[in-house]
Protein backbone atom coordinates (compact mmCIF):
# COMPACT_ATOMS: atom_id res chain seq x y z
CA UNK A 1 0.00 0.00 0.00
CA UNK A 2 1.08 3.56 -0.66
CA UNK A 3 2.23 6.05 1.96
CA UNK A 4 -0.87 7.86 3.23
CA UNK A 5 -0.20 9.89 6.37
CA UNK A 6 -1.52 13.03 8.07
CA UNK A 7 0.75 15.97 8.85
CA UNK A 8 -0.08 17.37 12.29
CA UNK A 9 0.99 21.02 12.60
CA UNK A 10 -1.18 21.56 15.68
CA UNK A 11 -0.75 19.40 18.79
CA UNK A 12 -2.34 15.95 18.73
CA UNK A 13 -4.89 15.56 21.53
CA UNK A 14 -3.69 13.62 24.60
CA UNK A 15 -6.60 11.20 24.15
CA UNK A 16 -5.18 10.24 20.71
CA UNK A 17 -1.44 10.27 21.43
CA UNK A 18 -1.08 8.80 24.89
CA UNK A 19 2.29 9.55 26.49
CA UNK A 20 3.08 8.55 30.07
CA UNK A 21 4.46 10.85 32.76
CA UNK A 22 7.89 9.34 32.00
CA UNK A 23 7.62 10.52 28.39
CA UNK A 24 6.98 7.04 26.97
CA UNK A 25 4.44 5.81 24.42
CA UNK A 26 1.55 4.15 26.25
CA UNK A 27 1.38 0.45 25.31
CA UNK A 28 5.00 -0.24 24.38
CA UNK A 29 6.24 1.83 27.35
CA UNK A 30 9.18 3.05 25.27
CA UNK A 31 10.99 6.36 24.95
CA UNK A 32 12.00 7.44 21.41
CA UNK A 33 15.66 6.72 22.17
CA UNK A 34 14.86 3.14 23.23
CA UNK A 35 14.55 1.68 19.73
CA UNK A 36 16.91 1.10 16.81
CA UNK A 37 15.95 1.73 13.17
CA UNK A 38 16.21 -2.02 12.47
CA UNK A 39 13.58 -3.91 14.45
CA UNK A 40 12.81 -7.62 14.66
CA UNK A 41 9.25 -8.30 15.80
CA UNK A 42 8.12 -11.66 17.18
CA UNK A 43 4.81 -12.90 18.52
CA UNK A 44 6.17 -14.86 21.46
CA UNK A 45 7.50 -12.87 24.44
CA UNK A 46 10.01 -15.62 25.24
CA UNK A 47 11.48 -15.37 21.75
CA UNK A 48 12.82 -11.88 22.49
CA UNK A 49 15.50 -13.24 24.82
CA UNK A 50 16.22 -16.13 22.42
CA UNK A 51 17.26 -13.46 19.93
CA UNK A 52 18.91 -10.88 22.20
CA UNK A 53 21.11 -13.57 23.82
CA UNK A 54 23.10 -13.42 20.58
CA UNK A 55 23.71 -9.67 20.97
CA UNK A 56 27.16 -8.42 21.95
CA UNK A 57 25.46 -6.13 24.46
CA UNK A 58 21.93 -5.22 25.57
CA UNK A 59 21.24 -1.62 26.62
CA UNK A 60 17.44 -1.59 26.92
CA UNK A 61 15.11 -4.16 28.49
CA UNK A 62 11.49 -3.08 28.85
CA UNK A 63 8.38 -5.15 29.51
CA UNK A 64 4.75 -3.99 29.52
CA UNK A 65 1.86 -6.42 29.06
CA UNK A 66 2.72 -8.69 26.11
CA UNK A 67 5.18 -6.14 24.73
CA UNK A 68 8.78 -7.02 25.61
CA UNK A 69 11.59 -4.94 24.08
CA UNK A 70 15.35 -5.51 24.03
CA UNK A 71 17.70 -3.12 22.23
CA UNK A 72 21.41 -3.75 21.84
CA UNK A 73 24.37 -4.25 19.52
CA UNK A 74 25.09 -7.17 17.22
CA UNK A 75 28.28 -7.14 15.11
CA UNK A 76 28.44 -3.36 15.32
CA UNK A 77 24.77 -2.82 14.37
CA UNK A 78 22.13 -1.50 16.76
CA UNK A 79 19.04 -3.72 16.75
CA UNK A 80 15.74 -3.89 18.59
CA UNK A 81 13.71 -7.04 19.26
CA UNK A 82 10.07 -6.53 20.22
CA UNK A 83 7.29 -9.00 21.01
CA UNK A 84 3.91 -8.07 19.59
CA UNK A 85 1.71 -10.82 20.96
CA UNK A 86 -0.61 -12.63 18.59
CA UNK A 87 -2.86 -11.04 15.98
CA UNK A 88 -3.39 -8.07 13.71
CA UNK A 89 -5.03 -6.04 16.49
CA UNK A 90 -1.69 -6.05 18.33
CA UNK A 91 0.16 -5.18 15.12
CA UNK A 92 -2.09 -2.12 14.86
CA UNK A 93 -0.83 -0.96 18.26
CA UNK A 94 2.81 -1.83 17.61
CA UNK A 95 3.07 -0.21 14.17
CA UNK A 96 1.34 3.02 15.15
CA UNK A 97 3.41 3.37 18.31
CA UNK A 98 6.73 2.50 16.66
CA UNK A 99 6.00 5.12 14.01
CA UNK A 100 5.08 7.66 16.68
CA UNK A 101 8.40 7.04 18.44
CA UNK A 102 10.37 8.20 15.39
CA UNK A 103 8.02 10.53 13.50
CA UNK A 104 6.15 12.49 16.18
CA UNK A 105 7.74 15.09 18.44
CA UNK A 106 6.66 14.02 21.94
CA UNK A 107 7.25 17.50 23.34
CA UNK A 108 5.32 19.46 20.71
CA UNK A 109 2.88 16.61 19.95
CA UNK A 110 3.24 17.36 16.24
CA UNK A 111 4.57 15.47 13.22
CA UNK A 112 8.30 15.84 12.60
CA UNK A 113 9.26 17.57 9.35
CA UNK A 114 11.73 14.83 8.38
CA UNK A 115 10.34 11.30 8.06
CA UNK A 116 12.31 8.42 9.58
CA UNK A 117 11.94 5.05 7.90
CA UNK A 118 12.17 1.90 10.00
CA UNK A 119 13.15 -1.58 8.81
CA UNK A 120 10.79 -4.03 10.50
CA UNK A 121 11.32 -7.77 10.12
CA UNK A 122 8.77 -10.18 11.51
CA UNK A 123 10.37 -13.46 12.55
CA UNK A 124 7.60 -15.96 13.07
CA UNK A 125 6.34 -19.51 12.87
CA UNK A 126 3.81 -20.68 10.34
CA UNK A 127 1.98 -23.56 8.70
CA UNK A 128 2.62 -24.43 5.06
CA UNK A 129 -0.28 -24.47 2.61
CA UNK A 130 1.74 -26.16 -0.16
CA UNK A 131 2.80 -29.81 -0.05
CA UNK A 132 6.19 -28.96 -1.57
CA UNK A 133 7.11 -26.49 1.21
CA UNK A 134 8.36 -28.88 3.89
CA UNK A 135 8.35 -28.64 7.65
CA UNK A 136 11.51 -26.97 9.04
CA UNK A 137 12.02 -24.85 5.90
CA UNK A 138 11.77 -21.03 5.70
CA UNK A 139 9.37 -18.74 3.84
CA UNK A 140 9.75 -15.05 3.02
CA UNK A 141 6.46 -13.27 2.29
CA UNK A 142 6.19 -11.23 -0.90
CA UNK A 143 2.60 -10.30 -0.05
CA UNK A 144 0.29 -10.56 2.92
CA UNK A 145 -3.27 -11.71 2.24
CA UNK A 146 -5.44 -10.23 4.95
CA UNK A 147 -8.62 -11.76 6.34
CA UNK A 148 -8.51 -9.51 9.42
CA UNK A 149 -10.57 -6.47 8.40
CA UNK A 150 -8.07 -4.01 9.93
CA UNK A 151 -7.22 -2.09 6.78
CA UNK A 152 -10.87 -1.17 6.24
CA UNK A 153 -10.54 1.30 9.13
CA UNK A 154 -7.75 3.25 7.39
CA UNK A 155 -7.86 5.54 4.36
CA UNK A 156 -5.16 3.69 2.45
CA UNK A 157 -4.36 3.47 -1.24
CA UNK A 158 -3.83 0.04 -2.76
CA UNK A 159 -1.29 -0.31 -5.55
CA UNK A 160 -2.11 -1.86 -8.93
CA UNK A 161 -0.49 -5.23 -8.22
CA UNK A 162 -2.33 -5.50 -4.90
CA UNK A 163 -5.66 -4.74 -6.58
CA UNK A 164 -4.94 -7.23 -9.36
CA UNK A 165 -4.24 -9.97 -6.81
CA UNK A 166 -7.52 -9.12 -5.09
CA UNK A 167 -9.37 -9.47 -8.41
CA UNK A 168 -7.77 -12.86 -9.05
CA UNK A 169 -8.66 -13.97 -5.51
CA UNK A 170 -12.29 -12.96 -5.98
CA UNK A 171 -12.42 -14.96 -9.21
CA UNK A 172 -10.82 -18.11 -7.80
CA UNK A 173 -11.97 -18.33 -4.16
CA UNK A 174 -15.52 -18.94 -2.95
CA UNK A 175 -15.63 -16.16 -0.35
CA UNK A 176 -18.93 -15.36 1.37
CA UNK A 177 -20.16 -11.73 1.59
CA UNK A 178 -20.67 -12.04 5.37
CA UNK A 179 -16.92 -12.58 5.97
CA UNK A 180 -14.36 -9.76 6.14
CA UNK A 181 -13.38 -8.73 2.59
CA UNK A 182 -9.82 -9.93 1.91
CA UNK A 183 -7.02 -7.60 0.80
CA UNK A 184 -3.41 -7.87 -0.38
CA UNK A 185 -0.47 -5.80 0.87
CA UNK A 186 3.07 -6.20 -0.40
CA UNK A 187 6.27 -6.29 1.57
CA UNK A 188 9.45 -4.30 1.11
CA UNK A 189 11.34 -5.52 -1.96
CA UNK A 190 14.54 -4.18 -0.38
CA UNK A 191 14.17 -6.40 2.68
CA UNK A 192 12.83 -9.38 0.76
CA UNK A 193 15.96 -9.36 -1.44
CA UNK A 194 18.08 -9.38 1.70
CA UNK A 195 16.43 -12.55 3.03
CA UNK A 196 15.14 -14.51 0.02
CA UNK A 197 18.20 -16.71 -0.59
CA UNK A 198 17.53 -20.31 0.53
CA UNK A 199 13.88 -19.47 1.28
CA UNK A 200 10.55 -20.16 -0.39
CA UNK A 201 8.67 -17.07 -1.58
CA UNK A 202 5.00 -16.35 -2.02
CA UNK A 203 1.85 -14.99 -0.43
CA UNK A 204 1.27 -15.37 3.29
CA UNK A 205 -2.38 -15.65 4.31
CA UNK A 206 -3.07 -13.78 7.54
CA UNK A 207 -5.98 -14.99 9.64
CA UNK A 208 -7.72 -13.17 12.49
CA UNK A 209 -7.86 -16.37 14.53
CA UNK A 210 -6.21 -19.78 14.86
CA UNK A 211 -9.17 -22.13 14.49
CA UNK A 212 -12.13 -21.25 12.26
CA UNK A 213 -10.30 -18.48 10.34
CA UNK A 214 -7.62 -21.03 9.42
CA UNK A 215 -10.08 -23.77 8.50
CA UNK A 216 -9.78 -25.70 11.77
CA UNK A 217 -12.83 -27.26 13.40
CA UNK A 218 -12.90 -28.63 16.94
CA UNK A 219 -16.49 -28.31 18.23
CA UNK A 220 -17.49 -25.42 15.94
CA UNK A 221 -18.03 -25.82 12.21
CA UNK A 222 -15.96 -23.52 9.99
CA UNK A 223 -17.87 -21.21 7.64
CA UNK A 224 -15.56 -22.24 4.77
CA UNK A 225 -14.77 -25.91 5.51
CA UNK A 226 -12.55 -26.32 2.43
CA UNK A 227 -10.73 -23.01 2.90
CA UNK A 228 -7.22 -24.50 2.88
CA UNK A 229 -7.90 -26.51 -0.27
CA UNK A 230 -9.06 -23.35 -2.05
CA UNK A 231 -6.06 -21.36 -0.87
CA UNK A 232 -3.75 -24.18 -1.93
CA UNK A 233 -5.04 -23.97 -5.50
CA UNK A 234 -4.83 -20.18 -5.82
CA UNK A 235 -2.47 -19.14 -8.60
CA UNK A 236 -1.74 -15.69 -9.97
CA UNK A 237 0.83 -15.93 -12.77
CA UNK A 238 2.73 -18.56 -10.78
CA UNK A 239 2.42 -16.70 -7.47
CA UNK A 240 0.89 -19.00 -4.84
CA UNK A 241 -0.29 -18.79 -1.25
CA UNK A 242 2.52 -20.44 0.66
CA UNK A 243 1.55 -20.33 4.33
CA UNK A 244 -0.87 -19.28 7.06
CA UNK A 245 -0.11 -17.07 10.08
CA UNK A 246 -1.68 -14.15 11.97
CA UNK A 247 0.23 -10.85 11.58
CA UNK A 248 1.74 -10.21 8.13
CA UNK A 249 -1.08 -8.48 6.25
CA UNK A 250 -1.47 -5.80 8.93
CA UNK A 251 2.30 -5.38 9.20
CA UNK A 252 2.68 -4.87 5.45
CA UNK A 253 -0.35 -2.62 5.04
CA UNK A 254 0.46 -0.30 7.93
CA UNK A 255 4.16 -0.19 7.07
CA UNK A 256 3.29 0.81 3.52
CA UNK A 257 0.90 3.54 4.61
CA UNK A 258 3.32 4.87 7.23
CA UNK A 259 6.34 4.77 4.90
CA UNK A 260 8.36 1.97 6.54
CA UNK A 261 10.01 -1.18 5.18
CA UNK A 262 8.52 -4.47 6.37
CA UNK A 263 9.27 -8.11 5.69
CA UNK A 264 8.09 -11.39 7.20
CA UNK A 265 10.24 -14.50 7.40
CA UNK A 266 8.72 -17.62 8.94
CA UNK A 267 9.90 -21.01 10.05
CA UNK A 268 7.50 -23.63 8.73
CA UNK A 269 6.62 -25.79 11.73
CA UNK A 270 3.59 -27.58 10.23
CA UNK A 271 2.39 -28.70 6.81
CA UNK A 272 -1.40 -28.56 6.64
CA UNK A 273 -1.62 -30.87 3.60
CA UNK A 274 0.84 -33.52 4.69
CA UNK A 275 -0.51 -33.20 8.25
CA UNK A 276 3.04 -33.02 9.57
CA UNK A 277 4.44 -31.09 12.52
CA UNK A 278 8.07 -30.26 13.27
CA UNK A 279 9.77 -32.71 15.63
CA UNK A 280 11.84 -29.84 17.12
CA UNK A 281 10.49 -26.48 15.95
CA UNK A 282 12.61 -24.57 18.49
CA UNK A 283 15.76 -25.79 16.74
CA UNK A 284 14.32 -24.59 13.41
CA UNK A 285 13.46 -21.19 14.93
CA UNK A 286 16.99 -20.89 16.34
CA UNK A 287 18.43 -21.52 12.86
CA UNK A 288 16.18 -18.79 11.46
CA UNK A 289 17.22 -16.37 14.22
CA UNK A 290 20.90 -16.83 13.39
CA UNK A 291 20.18 -16.43 9.68
CA UNK A 292 18.17 -13.22 10.17
CA UNK A 293 20.77 -11.68 12.48
CA UNK A 294 23.56 -12.54 10.04
CA UNK A 295 21.81 -10.98 7.06
CA UNK A 296 20.64 -7.93 9.00
CA UNK A 297 24.16 -7.16 10.19
CA UNK A 298 25.72 -7.25 6.75
């Protein structure tokens, strides 16, 4: 999505921009100096330390609710690791507050004249929707396919390729009118090029839940019982839906509108079509952590 932001020349109301008495943004509990311009975001709070333990030094450790932040140095590069919790609703909080930390003057409560661009890399776990993408492999997301409904609350501008993918989706997928309208948002080509070697590429479907929205049924019947089979067959000029997770579409859409770079890389810990699950997904995640840190520091 294209950059679509508001320039505030008069102070933003305290009910809209909530800053604590310590001068920190409300949910993340961070001061503008607490974050680096290169940020790894993870869903799991415990994964923050699994990443920062590789740092040469850690200068910032902050925890508030599900949001845990460590900032430090790795091979001469300042990095931040931040846990978002699960879901696009949390990504909405994280992306808006990260942007505020670098692009809003907390003293004047106005937009800064010079825009600061962040590089935000989501390091997650995911389930494969293609039989040929095996468990314990890695996927980098070219696009996020959103089922979450979040973007409908923002006045964004979709790009031509995103709209064309939406048209193809509408033609190929039996999607009911009572379900959130899906959308496509693309990631940063700059970051994708940095990570794509030795990884599968494609579209990452982003669900607003783990069970019904991902075609799972325990005691409740899913509205689209053959959802995964339909997603598996989607094809737009060779571009396929590779995997299912719960944050990428919101990350890509908000990053695009706010003028930041975003990229998702996931460890595949399950294959929905082979009905396989990783025997040691933590080992796979650790391999991905080392790979991401190596490529970020170059």
